[in-house]
């Protein structure tokens, strides 16, 4: 579990590059401009949250707060899967009802970022 979020970041980084390349090369002829933009949004947000996983991993060295950081990290995972995953599925399937999941993922991501900010602001061990 010690390297979990670092491994998640590395796998996520790999996937986001693969998904981005797939979108740029294979999907341009298949998707509408609107759905291609939805797909690109998912790719961008997935990449942003690769950084979040690295941050959570780096901060986990503070043994007193491992549980709190694990919770934040798992919220990032869940939020990213729901937010980006629903956008990928929406773009590729055209099933607009999937858009109902996206805001839930977004709220979870917002909560995780806010908790990470509060953790950083209140942790006396951080420089």
N, C-alpha and C. Protein backbone atom coordinates (compact mmCIF):
# COMPACT_ATOMS: atom_id res chain seq x y z
N UNK A 1 0.83 -1.20 0.00
CA UNK A 1 0.00 0.00 0.00
C UNK A 1 0.87 1.26 0.00
N UNK A 2 2.13 1.11 0.37
CA UNK A 2 2.99 2.26 0.49
C UNK A 2 3.19 2.98 -0.85
N UNK A 3 3.24 2.22 -1.95
CA UNK A 3 3.48 2.81 -3.27
C UNK A 3 2.20 2.89 -4.10
N UNK A 4 1.08 2.58 -3.52
CA UNK A 4 -0.17 2.45 -4.27
C UNK A 4 -0.47 3.66 -5.15
N UNK A 5 -0.46 4.87 -4.58
CA UNK A 5 -0.84 6.05 -5.36
C UNK A 5 0.21 6.42 -6.39
N UNK A 6 1.46 6.06 -6.15
CA UNK A 6 2.50 6.28 -7.15
C UNK A 6 2.31 5.33 -8.34
N UNK A 7 1.96 4.10 -8.05
CA UNK A 7 1.67 3.14 -9.11
C UNK A 7 0.42 3.57 -9.88
N UNK A 8 -0.61 4.01 -9.16
CA UNK A 8 -1.83 4.51 -9.81
C UNK A 8 -1.48 5.69 -10.73
N UNK A 9 -0.61 6.59 -10.27
CA UNK A 9 -0.21 7.74 -11.09
C UNK A 9 0.49 7.28 -12.36
N UNK A 10 1.39 6.32 -12.23
CA UNK A 10 2.13 5.84 -13.40
C UNK A 10 1.21 5.15 -14.40
N UNK A 11 0.33 4.29 -13.91
CA UNK A 11 -0.62 3.61 -14.80
C UNK A 11 -1.56 4.62 -15.43
N UNK A 12 -2.03 5.56 -14.62
CA UNK A 12 -2.92 6.60 -15.13
C UNK A 12 -2.23 7.44 -16.20
N UNK A 13 -0.96 7.79 -15.97
CA UNK A 13 -0.21 8.54 -16.97
C UNK A 13 -0.09 7.78 -18.28
N UNK A 14 0.19 6.49 -18.19
CA UNK A 14 0.25 5.65 -19.38
C UNK A 14 -1.09 5.66 -20.12
N UNK A 15 -2.16 5.42 -19.36
CA UNK A 15 -3.49 5.35 -19.97
C UNK A 15 -3.90 6.66 -20.61
N UNK A 16 -3.59 7.77 -19.96
CA UNK A 16 -4.01 9.05 -20.51
C UNK A 16 -3.28 9.35 -21.83
N UNK A 17 -2.03 8.96 -21.93
CA UNK A 17 -1.30 9.13 -23.19
C UNK A 17 -1.90 8.22 -24.27
N UNK A 18 -2.20 6.98 -23.89
CA UNK A 18 -2.81 6.05 -24.85
C UNK A 18 -4.19 6.53 -25.29
N UNK A 19 -5.02 6.96 -24.33
CA UNK A 19 -6.35 7.45 -24.67
C UNK A 19 -6.27 8.72 -25.53
N UNK A 20 -5.34 9.60 -25.19
CA UNK A 20 -5.16 10.82 -25.97
C UNK A 20 -4.75 10.52 -27.40
N UNK A 21 -3.82 9.61 -27.57
CA UNK A 21 -3.37 9.23 -28.92
C UNK A 21 -4.51 8.55 -29.69
N UNK A 22 -5.24 7.69 -29.01
CA UNK A 22 -6.38 7.02 -29.63
C UNK A 22 -7.41 8.05 -30.10
N UNK A 23 -7.68 9.02 -29.25
CA UNK A 23 -8.64 10.07 -29.61
C UNK A 23 -8.16 10.91 -30.77
N UNK A 24 -6.88 11.23 -30.77
CA UNK A 24 -6.34 12.10 -31.82
C UNK A 24 -6.24 11.39 -33.17
N UNK A 25 -5.97 10.10 -33.15
CA UNK A 25 -5.72 9.40 -34.41
C UNK A 25 -6.87 8.52 -34.88
N UNK A 26 -7.54 7.86 -33.98
CA UNK A 26 -8.57 6.91 -34.39
C UNK A 26 -9.99 7.46 -34.33
N UNK A 27 -10.22 8.43 -33.47
CA UNK A 27 -11.60 8.87 -33.26
C UNK A 27 -12.01 10.09 -34.06
N UNK A 28 -11.05 10.84 -34.59
CA UNK A 28 -11.40 12.07 -35.30
C UNK A 28 -12.37 11.83 -36.44
N UNK A 29 -12.23 10.74 -37.14
CA UNK A 29 -13.12 10.45 -38.26
C UNK A 29 -14.42 9.80 -37.82
N UNK A 30 -14.46 9.33 -36.58
CA UNK A 30 -15.63 8.58 -36.11
C UNK A 30 -16.60 9.38 -35.25
N UNK A 31 -16.09 10.38 -34.54
CA UNK A 31 -16.93 11.13 -33.61
C UNK A 31 -17.27 12.51 -34.16
N UNK A 32 -18.40 13.02 -33.72
CA UNK A 32 -18.76 14.39 -34.05
C UNK A 32 -17.80 15.33 -33.33
N UNK A 33 -17.76 16.57 -33.77
CA UNK A 33 -16.89 17.56 -33.12
C UNK A 33 -17.26 17.69 -31.65
N UNK A 34 -18.54 17.68 -31.34
CA UNK A 34 -19.01 17.80 -29.96
C UNK A 34 -18.55 16.62 -29.11
N UNK A 35 -18.70 15.40 -29.61
CA UNK A 35 -18.31 14.22 -28.84
C UNK A 35 -16.79 14.10 -28.74
N UNK A 36 -16.08 14.57 -29.75
CA UNK A 36 -14.62 14.58 -29.68
C UNK A 36 -14.16 15.54 -28.58
N UNK A 37 -14.86 16.66 -28.42
CA UNK A 37 -14.53 17.61 -27.36
C UNK A 37 -14.83 17.01 -25.97
N UNK A 38 -15.90 16.25 -25.86
CA UNK A 38 -16.21 15.55 -24.61
C UNK A 38 -15.08 14.57 -24.28
N UNK A 39 -14.63 13.83 -25.28
CA UNK A 39 -13.53 12.88 -25.10
C UNK A 39 -12.26 13.60 -24.66
N UNK A 40 -11.95 14.72 -25.31
CA UNK A 40 -10.76 15.50 -24.95
C UNK A 40 -10.84 16.03 -23.51
N UNK A 41 -12.02 16.42 -23.09
CA UNK A 41 -12.20 16.88 -21.71
C UNK A 41 -11.84 15.76 -20.74
N UNK A 42 -12.30 14.55 -21.04
CA UNK A 42 -11.97 13.41 -20.18
C UNK A 42 -10.46 13.19 -20.13
N UNK A 43 -9.80 13.27 -21.27
CA UNK A 43 -8.34 13.08 -21.32
C UNK A 43 -7.64 14.15 -20.48
N UNK A 44 -8.05 15.40 -20.62
CA UNK A 44 -7.41 16.48 -19.87
C UNK A 44 -7.59 16.30 -18.36
N UNK A 45 -8.80 16.00 -17.94
CA UNK A 45 -9.04 15.84 -16.50
C UNK A 45 -8.31 14.61 -15.96
N UNK A 46 -8.23 13.57 -16.75
CA UNK A 46 -7.50 12.39 -16.30
C UNK A 46 -6.03 12.75 -16.08
N UNK A 47 -5.45 13.53 -16.98
CA UNK A 47 -4.04 13.91 -16.82
C UNK A 47 -3.85 14.80 -15.60
N UNK A 48 -4.75 15.76 -15.39
CA UNK A 48 -4.63 16.62 -14.21
C UNK A 48 -4.59 15.79 -12.93
N UNK A 49 -5.38 14.74 -12.90
CA UNK A 49 -5.47 13.97 -11.67
C UNK A 49 -4.33 12.96 -11.51
N UNK A 50 -3.55 12.77 -12.55
CA UNK A 50 -2.30 12.02 -12.39
C UNK A 50 -1.40 12.78 -11.42
N UNK A 51 -1.39 14.09 -11.53
CA UNK A 51 -0.61 14.93 -10.63
C UNK A 51 -1.12 14.79 -9.19
N UNK A 52 -2.42 14.71 -9.03
CA UNK A 52 -3.00 14.56 -7.69
C UNK A 52 -2.51 13.28 -7.03
N UNK A 53 -2.42 12.20 -7.78
CA UNK A 53 -1.95 10.94 -7.20
C UNK A 53 -0.50 11.05 -6.75
N UNK A 54 0.32 11.74 -7.53
CA UNK A 54 1.72 11.94 -7.14
C UNK A 54 1.79 12.79 -5.87
N UNK A 55 0.95 13.82 -5.79
CA UNK A 55 0.93 14.67 -4.58
C UNK A 55 0.54 13.86 -3.34
N UNK A 56 -0.50 13.06 -3.47
CA UNK A 56 -0.94 12.26 -2.33
C UNK A 56 0.17 11.30 -1.92
N UNK A 57 0.82 10.68 -2.89
CA UNK A 57 1.92 9.77 -2.56
C UNK A 57 3.03 10.51 -1.82
N UNK A 58 3.41 11.65 -2.32
CA UNK A 58 4.50 12.41 -1.70
C UNK A 58 4.16 12.83 -0.27
N UNK A 59 2.92 13.19 -0.04
CA UNK A 59 2.50 13.63 1.30
C UNK A 59 2.33 12.49 2.28
N UNK A 60 2.19 11.27 1.78
CA UNK A 60 1.96 10.10 2.66
C UNK A 60 3.16 9.79 3.53
N UNK A 61 4.29 10.40 3.32
CA UNK A 61 5.45 10.17 4.17
C UNK A 61 5.20 10.62 5.61
N UNK A 62 4.18 11.42 5.80
CA UNK A 62 3.78 11.86 7.14
C UNK A 62 2.93 10.75 7.75
N UNK A 63 3.56 9.87 8.50
CA UNK A 63 2.90 8.66 9.02
C UNK A 63 1.67 8.97 9.86
N UNK A 64 1.64 10.14 10.50
CA UNK A 64 0.49 10.48 11.34
C UNK A 64 -0.79 10.68 10.55
N UNK A 65 -0.65 10.95 9.27
CA UNK A 65 -1.82 11.30 8.46
C UNK A 65 -2.05 10.37 7.28
N UNK A 66 -1.51 9.17 7.33
CA UNK A 66 -1.64 8.23 6.22
C UNK A 66 -3.11 7.91 5.94
N UNK A 67 -3.90 7.68 6.98
CA UNK A 67 -5.31 7.33 6.78
C UNK A 67 -6.07 8.46 6.09
N UNK A 68 -5.82 9.68 6.52
CA UNK A 68 -6.49 10.83 5.92
C UNK A 68 -6.10 10.97 4.45
N UNK A 69 -4.81 10.81 4.15
CA UNK A 69 -4.35 10.92 2.77
C UNK A 69 -4.83 9.76 1.91
N UNK A 70 -4.93 8.57 2.50
CA UNK A 70 -5.49 7.43 1.76
C UNK A 70 -6.93 7.72 1.35
N UNK A 71 -7.70 8.29 2.27
CA UNK A 71 -9.09 8.64 1.96
C UNK A 71 -9.14 9.66 0.82
N UNK A 72 -8.31 10.67 0.90
CA UNK A 72 -8.27 11.70 -0.16
C UNK A 72 -7.87 11.05 -1.49
N UNK A 73 -6.85 10.22 -1.46
CA UNK A 73 -6.40 9.56 -2.68
C UNK A 73 -7.46 8.68 -3.30
N UNK A 74 -8.18 7.94 -2.45
CA UNK A 74 -9.25 7.09 -2.97
C UNK A 74 -10.42 7.92 -3.51
N UNK A 75 -10.65 9.08 -2.93
CA UNK A 75 -11.67 9.97 -3.49
C UNK A 75 -11.24 10.45 -4.88
N UNK A 76 -9.96 10.76 -5.05
CA UNK A 76 -9.47 11.14 -6.38
C UNK A 76 -9.69 10.00 -7.37
N UNK A 77 -9.40 8.78 -6.97
CA UNK A 77 -9.58 7.63 -7.86
C UNK A 77 -11.05 7.51 -8.26
N UNK A 78 -11.93 7.50 -7.26
CA UNK A 78 -13.36 7.34 -7.53
C UNK A 78 -13.89 8.49 -8.37
N UNK A 79 -13.54 9.71 -8.00
CA UNK A 79 -14.02 10.87 -8.75
C UNK A 79 -13.54 10.84 -10.19
N UNK A 80 -12.27 10.48 -10.40
CA UNK A 80 -11.74 10.44 -11.76
C UNK A 80 -12.41 9.35 -12.58
N UNK A 81 -12.61 8.18 -11.97
CA UNK A 81 -13.26 7.09 -12.70
C UNK A 81 -14.68 7.50 -13.10
N UNK A 82 -15.42 8.09 -12.16
CA UNK A 82 -16.79 8.49 -12.47
C UNK A 82 -16.83 9.65 -13.47
N UNK A 83 -16.01 10.68 -13.25
CA UNK A 83 -16.03 11.86 -14.10
C UNK A 83 -15.50 11.52 -15.50
N UNK A 84 -14.25 11.08 -15.55
CA UNK A 84 -13.64 10.80 -16.86
C UNK A 84 -14.27 9.60 -17.52
N UNK A 85 -14.53 8.56 -16.73
CA UNK A 85 -15.14 7.36 -17.30
C UNK A 85 -16.48 7.63 -17.94
N UNK A 86 -17.31 8.43 -17.27
CA UNK A 86 -18.63 8.73 -17.86
C UNK A 86 -18.49 9.55 -19.13
N UNK A 87 -17.50 10.45 -19.16
CA UNK A 87 -17.27 11.24 -20.37
C UNK A 87 -16.76 10.37 -21.52
N UNK A 88 -15.84 9.46 -21.22
CA UNK A 88 -15.36 8.54 -22.26
C UNK A 88 -16.51 7.72 -22.82
N UNK A 89 -17.31 7.16 -21.91
CA UNK A 89 -18.45 6.34 -22.36
C UNK A 89 -19.47 7.16 -23.13
N UNK A 90 -19.74 8.37 -22.68
CA UNK A 90 -20.66 9.26 -23.39
C UNK A 90 -20.17 9.53 -24.81
N UNK A 91 -18.89 9.89 -24.92
CA UNK A 91 -18.32 10.21 -26.24
C UNK A 91 -18.33 9.00 -27.16
N UNK A 92 -18.00 7.84 -26.64
CA UNK A 92 -17.88 6.65 -27.49
C UNK A 92 -19.21 5.98 -27.77
N UNK A 93 -20.16 6.09 -26.86
CA UNK A 93 -21.44 5.41 -27.04
C UNK A 93 -22.56 6.33 -27.50
N UNK A 94 -22.45 7.62 -27.17
CA UNK A 94 -23.52 8.55 -27.49
C UNK A 94 -24.70 8.46 -26.54
N UNK A 95 -24.59 7.64 -25.50
CA UNK A 95 -25.68 7.49 -24.53
C UNK A 95 -25.65 8.70 -23.59
N UNK A 96 -26.55 9.63 -23.83
CA UNK A 96 -26.52 10.90 -23.09
C UNK A 96 -26.89 10.73 -21.62
N UNK A 97 -27.58 9.67 -21.26
CA UNK A 97 -27.93 9.44 -19.85
C UNK A 97 -26.70 9.24 -18.98
N UNK A 98 -25.58 8.89 -19.58
CA UNK A 98 -24.33 8.74 -18.83
C UNK A 98 -23.87 10.07 -18.25
N UNK A 99 -24.33 11.16 -18.86
CA UNK A 99 -23.98 12.49 -18.38
C UNK A 99 -24.45 12.77 -16.97
N UNK A 100 -25.37 11.97 -16.47
CA UNK A 100 -25.87 12.13 -15.10
C UNK A 100 -24.79 11.75 -14.08
N UNK A 101 -23.87 10.88 -14.47
CA UNK A 101 -22.80 10.41 -13.58
C UNK A 101 -21.68 11.45 -13.47
N UNK A 102 -21.46 12.20 -14.54
CA UNK A 102 -20.33 13.13 -14.60
C UNK A 102 -20.32 14.13 -13.45
N UNK A 103 -21.42 14.81 -13.13
CA UNK A 103 -21.39 15.76 -12.02
C UNK A 103 -21.07 15.11 -10.67
N UNK A 104 -21.52 13.88 -10.47
CA UNK A 104 -21.20 13.18 -9.23
C UNK A 104 -19.69 13.00 -9.12
N UNK A 105 -19.06 12.57 -10.19
CA UNK A 105 -17.61 12.45 -10.20
C UNK A 105 -16.93 13.79 -9.97
N UNK A 106 -17.49 14.84 -10.55
CA UNK A 106 -16.94 16.18 -10.37
C UNK A 106 -17.02 16.65 -8.93
N UNK A 107 -18.13 16.37 -8.28
CA UNK A 107 -18.29 16.77 -6.87
C UNK A 107 -17.29 16.01 -5.99
N UNK A 108 -17.09 14.74 -6.28
CA UNK A 108 -16.12 13.95 -5.52
C UNK A 108 -14.71 14.51 -5.73
N UNK A 109 -14.38 14.88 -6.96
CA UNK A 109 -13.07 15.48 -7.23
C UNK A 109 -12.92 16.81 -6.49
N UNK A 110 -13.95 17.63 -6.52
CA UNK A 110 -13.89 18.90 -5.79
C UNK A 110 -13.67 18.67 -4.30
N UNK A 111 -14.37 17.70 -3.74
CA UNK A 111 -14.21 17.39 -2.32
C UNK A 111 -12.80 16.93 -2.02
N UNK A 112 -12.25 16.11 -2.88
CA UNK A 112 -10.88 15.62 -2.67
C UNK A 112 -9.87 16.76 -2.73
N UNK A 113 -10.01 17.65 -3.72
CA UNK A 113 -9.10 18.80 -3.82
C UNK A 113 -9.23 19.71 -2.60
N UNK A 114 -10.45 19.94 -2.15
CA UNK A 114 -10.65 20.78 -0.97
C UNK A 114 -10.03 20.14 0.27
N UNK A 115 -10.23 18.86 0.44
CA UNK A 115 -9.62 18.17 1.58
C UNK A 115 -8.10 18.18 1.50
N UNK A 116 -7.55 18.05 0.29
CA UNK A 116 -6.10 18.11 0.14
C UNK A 116 -5.59 19.51 0.48
N UNK A 117 -6.32 20.53 0.07
CA UNK A 117 -5.93 21.90 0.40
C UNK A 117 -5.97 22.12 1.91
N UNK A 118 -7.02 21.67 2.56
CA UNK A 118 -7.13 21.80 4.02
C UNK A 118 -6.02 21.02 4.73
N UNK A 119 -5.73 19.84 4.22
CA UNK A 119 -4.65 19.05 4.80
C UNK A 119 -3.33 19.82 4.72
N UNK A 120 -3.04 20.35 3.54
CA UNK A 120 -1.78 21.09 3.36
C UNK A 120 -1.75 22.36 4.20
N UNK A 121 -2.87 23.05 4.31
CA UNK A 121 -2.92 24.30 5.06
C UNK A 121 -2.77 24.08 6.57
N UNK A 122 -3.24 22.94 7.05
CA UNK A 122 -3.23 22.72 8.50
C UNK A 122 -2.11 21.83 9.00
N UNK A 123 -1.37 21.21 8.10
CA UNK A 123 -0.31 20.29 8.51
C UNK A 123 0.94 21.11 8.84
N UNK A 124 1.32 21.07 10.08
CA UNK A 124 2.47 21.86 10.55
C UNK A 124 3.82 21.30 10.07
N UNK A 125 3.83 20.06 9.61
CA UNK A 125 5.07 19.45 9.15
C UNK A 125 5.45 19.89 7.74
N UNK A 126 4.49 20.40 7.00
CA UNK A 126 4.79 20.83 5.63
C UNK A 126 5.47 22.20 5.66
N UNK A 127 6.39 22.41 4.77
CA UNK A 127 7.11 23.69 4.72
C UNK A 127 6.23 24.79 4.21
